[in-house]
C-alpha atoms as a PDB file:
ATOM      1  CA  MET A   1      32.991  73.733  75.952  1.00  0.00           C
ATOM      2  CA  ALA A   2      36.760  74.247  75.877  1.00  0.00           C
ATOM      3  CA  LYS A   3      38.737  75.076  79.001  1.00  0.00           C
ATOM      4  CA  ARG A   4      40.452  78.427  79.109  1.00  0.00           C
ATOM      5  CA  GLY A   5      43.938  78.996  80.449  1.00  0.00           C
ATOM      6  CA  GLY A   6      45.966  76.527  82.438  1.00  0.00           C
ATOM      7  CA  PHE A   7      48.054  73.750  81.026  1.00  0.00           C
ATOM      8  CA  PRO A   8      46.903  70.544  79.338  1.00  0.00           C
ATOM      9  CA  GLY A   9      46.304  67.878  81.963  1.00  0.00           C
ATOM     10  CA  GLY A  10      46.808  70.470  84.728  1.00  0.00           C
ATOM     11  CA  GLN A  11      50.595  70.031  84.556  1.00  0.00           C
ATOM     12  CA  MET A  12      53.130  72.768  83.914  1.00  0.00           C
ATOM     13  CA  PRO A  13      55.619  72.081  81.133  1.00  0.00           C
ATOM     14  CA  GLY A  14      59.041  70.963  82.397  1.00  0.00           C
ATOM     15  CA  ASN A  15      60.819  74.227  81.668  1.00  0.00           C
ATOM     16  CA  MET A  16      58.100  76.235  83.439  1.00  0.00           C
ATOM     17  CA  ASN A  17      58.318  73.888  86.427  1.00  0.00           C
ATOM     18  CA  ASN A  18      62.098  74.408  86.536  1.00  0.00           C
ATOM     19  CA  LEU A  19      61.613  78.168  86.346  1.00  0.00           C
ATOM     20  CA  MET A  20      59.233  78.041  89.306  1.00  0.00           C
ATOM     21  CA  LYS A  21      61.733  75.986  91.316  1.00  0.00           C
ATOM     22  CA  GLN A  22      64.495  78.480  90.492  1.00  0.00           C
ATOM     23  CA  ALA A  23      62.268  81.390  91.528  1.00  0.00           C
ATOM     24  CA  GLN A  24      61.464  79.688  94.845  1.00  0.00           C
ATOM     25  CA  LYS A  25      65.154  78.986  95.458  1.00  0.00           C
ATOM     26  CA  MET A  26      66.015  82.615  94.672  1.00  0.00           C
ATOM     27  CA  GLN A  27      63.297  83.826  97.026  1.00  0.00           C
ATOM     28  CA  LYS A  28      64.729  81.736  99.882  1.00  0.00           C
ATOM     29  CA  GLN A  29      68.225  83.047  99.132  1.00  0.00           C
ATOM     30  CA  MET A  30      66.949  86.634  99.119  1.00  0.00           C
ATOM     31  CA  GLU A  31      65.221  86.098 102.472  1.00  0.00           C
ATOM     32  CA  GLN A  32      68.444  84.665 103.922  1.00  0.00           C
ATOM     33  CA  GLN A  33      70.435  87.593 102.511  1.00  0.00           C
ATOM     34  CA  ALA A  34      67.989  90.074 104.056  1.00  0.00           C
ATOM     35  CA  LYS A  35      68.367  88.371 107.446  1.00  0.00           C
ATOM     36  CA  GLU A  36      72.170  88.481 107.170  1.00  0.00           C
ATOM     37  CA  MET A  37      72.051  92.161 106.181  1.00  0.00           C
ATOM     38  CA  GLU A  38      69.991  93.023 109.269  1.00  0.00           C
ATOM     39  CA  GLU A  39      72.749  91.597 111.471  1.00  0.00           C
ATOM     40  CA  MET A  40      75.601  93.432 109.731  1.00  0.00           C
ATOM     41  CA  GLU A  41      76.997  96.710 110.991  1.00  0.00           C
ATOM     42  CA  PHE A  42      78.361  99.507 108.830  1.00  0.00           C
ATOM     43  CA  ALA A  43      80.491 102.339 110.178  1.00  0.00           C
ATOM     44  CA  ALA A  44      81.429 105.602 108.525  1.00  0.00           C
ATOM     45  CA  THR A  45      83.352 108.640 109.650  1.00  0.00           C
ATOM     46  CA  ALA A  46      83.436 112.341 108.843  1.00  0.00           C
ATOM     47  CA  GLY A  47      85.741 115.189 109.757  1.00  0.00           C
ATOM     48  CA  GLY A  48      88.836 113.026 109.598  1.00  0.00           C
ATOM     49  CA  GLY A  49      87.362 110.550 112.074  1.00  0.00           C
ATOM     50  CA  ALA A  50      86.022 113.164 114.490  1.00  0.00           C
ATOM     51  CA  VAL A  51      82.513 111.754 114.003  1.00  0.00           C
ATOM     52  CA  GLU A  52      81.788 108.046 113.611  1.00  0.00           C
ATOM     53  CA  VAL A  53      78.340 106.598 112.983  1.00  0.00           C
ATOM     54  CA  THR A  54      77.428 102.916 113.020  1.00  0.00           C
ATOM     55  CA  VAL A  55      74.232 101.598 111.422  1.00  0.00           C
ATOM     56  CA  ASN A  56      72.876  98.109 110.864  1.00  0.00           C
ATOM     57  CA  GLY A  57      71.655  96.556 107.624  1.00  0.00           C
ATOM     58  CA  SER A  58      68.113  97.681 108.466  1.00  0.00           C
ATOM     59  CA  LYS A  59      69.393 101.266 108.299  1.00  0.00           C
ATOM     60  CA  GLU A  60      68.978 101.885 112.020  1.00  0.00           C
ATOM     61  CA  VAL A  61      71.564 104.097 113.710  1.00  0.00           C
ATOM     62  CA  LEU A  62      73.219 102.018 116.426  1.00  0.00           C
ATOM     63  CA  LYS A  63      75.949 104.331 117.650  1.00  0.00           C
ATOM     64  CA  VAL A  64      77.308 107.856 117.245  1.00  0.00           C
ATOM     65  CA  LYS A  65      80.820 108.552 118.512  1.00  0.00           C
ATOM     66  CA  LEU A  66      82.161 112.115 118.776  1.00  0.00           C
ATOM     67  CA  ASP A  67      85.677 113.288 119.535  1.00  0.00           C
ATOM     68  CA  GLU A  68      85.657 115.951 122.237  1.00  0.00           C
ATOM     69  CA  GLU A  69      87.457 118.427 119.994  1.00  0.00           C
ATOM     70  CA  VAL A  70      84.555 118.482 117.528  1.00  0.00           C
ATOM     71  CA  VAL A  71      82.049 119.464 120.220  1.00  0.00           C
ATOM     72  CA  ASP A  72      82.290 123.245 120.026  1.00  0.00           C
ATOM     73  CA  PRO A  73      79.299 125.117 121.482  1.00  0.00           C
ATOM     74  CA  ASP A  74      80.139 128.035 119.200  1.00  0.00           C
ATOM     75  CA  ASP A  75      79.976 125.864 116.064  1.00  0.00           C
ATOM     76  CA  VAL A  76      77.105 123.424 116.501  1.00  0.00           C
ATOM     77  CA  GLU A  77      76.304 123.681 112.790  1.00  0.00           C
ATOM     78  CA  MET A  78      79.626 122.064 111.846  1.00  0.00           C
ATOM     79  CA  LEU A  79      78.953 119.155 114.206  1.00  0.00           C
ATOM     80  CA  GLU A  80      75.482 118.703 112.736  1.00  0.00           C
ATOM     81  CA  ASP A  81      76.933 118.662 109.226  1.00  0.00           C
ATOM     82  CA  LEU A  82      79.544 116.059 110.198  1.00  0.00           C
ATOM     83  CA  ILE A  83      76.910 113.815 111.751  1.00  0.00           C
ATOM     84  CA  VAL A  84      74.721 114.067 108.653  1.00  0.00           C
ATOM     85  CA  ALA A  85      77.697 113.273 106.410  1.00  0.00           C
ATOM     86  CA  ALA A  86      78.687 110.231 108.472  1.00  0.00           C
ATOM     87  CA  VAL A  87      75.120 108.895 108.622  1.00  0.00           C
ATOM     88  CA  ASN A  88      74.657 109.305 104.867  1.00  0.00           C
ATOM     89  CA  GLU A  89      77.953 107.543 104.160  1.00  0.00           C
ATOM     90  CA  ALA A  90      77.031 104.637 106.445  1.00  0.00           C
ATOM     91  CA  LEU A  91      73.637 104.300 104.746  1.00  0.00           C
ATOM     92  CA  ARG A  92      75.332 104.389 101.335  1.00  0.00           C
ATOM     93  CA  LYS A  93      77.514 101.474 102.465  1.00  0.00           C
ATOM     94  CA  VAL A  94      74.396  99.497 103.423  1.00  0.00           C
ATOM     95  CA  ASP A  95      72.861 100.130  99.991  1.00  0.00           C
ATOM     96  CA  GLU A  96      76.103  99.231  98.229  1.00  0.00           C
ATOM     97  CA  LYS A  97      76.414  95.931 100.115  1.00  0.00           C
ATOM     98  CA  ASN A  98      72.750  95.096  99.544  1.00  0.00           C
ATOM     99  CA  ASN A  99      72.977  95.836  95.805  1.00  0.00           C
ATOM    100  CA  GLU A 100      76.140  93.742  95.549  1.00  0.00           C
ATOM    101  CA  ALA A 101      74.486  90.807  97.322  1.00  0.00           C
ATOM    102  CA  MET A 102      71.307  91.008  95.237  1.00  0.00           C
ATOM    103  CA  SER A 103      73.322  91.190  92.040  1.00  0.00           C
ATOM    104  CA  LYS A 104      75.084  87.960  93.006  1.00  0.00           C
ATOM    105  CA  LEU A 105      71.745  86.263  93.698  1.00  0.00           C
ATOM    106  CA  THR A 106      70.075  87.345  90.493  1.00  0.00           C
ATOM    107  CA  GLY A 107      73.149  86.977  88.317  1.00  0.00           C
ATOM    108  CA  GLY A 108      72.714  90.558  87.185  1.00  0.00           C
ATOM    109  CA  LEU A 109      69.286  89.826  85.645  1.00  0.00           C
ATOM    110  CA  GLY A 110      66.960  92.746  85.258  1.00  0.00           C
ATOM    111  CA  GLY A 111      63.974  90.414  85.471  1.00  0.00           C
ATOM    112  CA  PHE A 112      62.675  87.120  84.279  1.00  0.00           C
ATOM    113  CA  PRO A 113      63.036  86.212  80.590  1.00  0.00           C
ATOM    114  CA  PHE A 114      59.347  86.148  79.594  1.00  0.00           C
END
């Protein structure tokens, strides 16, 4: 009875073996990049700097800084909008940096050439 699947002699062809090694190397690089991203901080402002938000690479808000002049009890809605804008901009920066780093690791590949 013939064996199904696998490779003759249980060995992967050389080019497949190289592909597996490259995939493992890329996985380690991606893990390292993810760790580095977690430690990075990204700041963004809104309202001409009246609101500043700092997030980390894990998209956690670390700090919110408000200028006193923007804290107007009669216009809380504006302050809320500025905070939302600053948070969204900081998160966009995280995504941009992450996409840039991943593109460098993968060489712009959309996937593996199978």
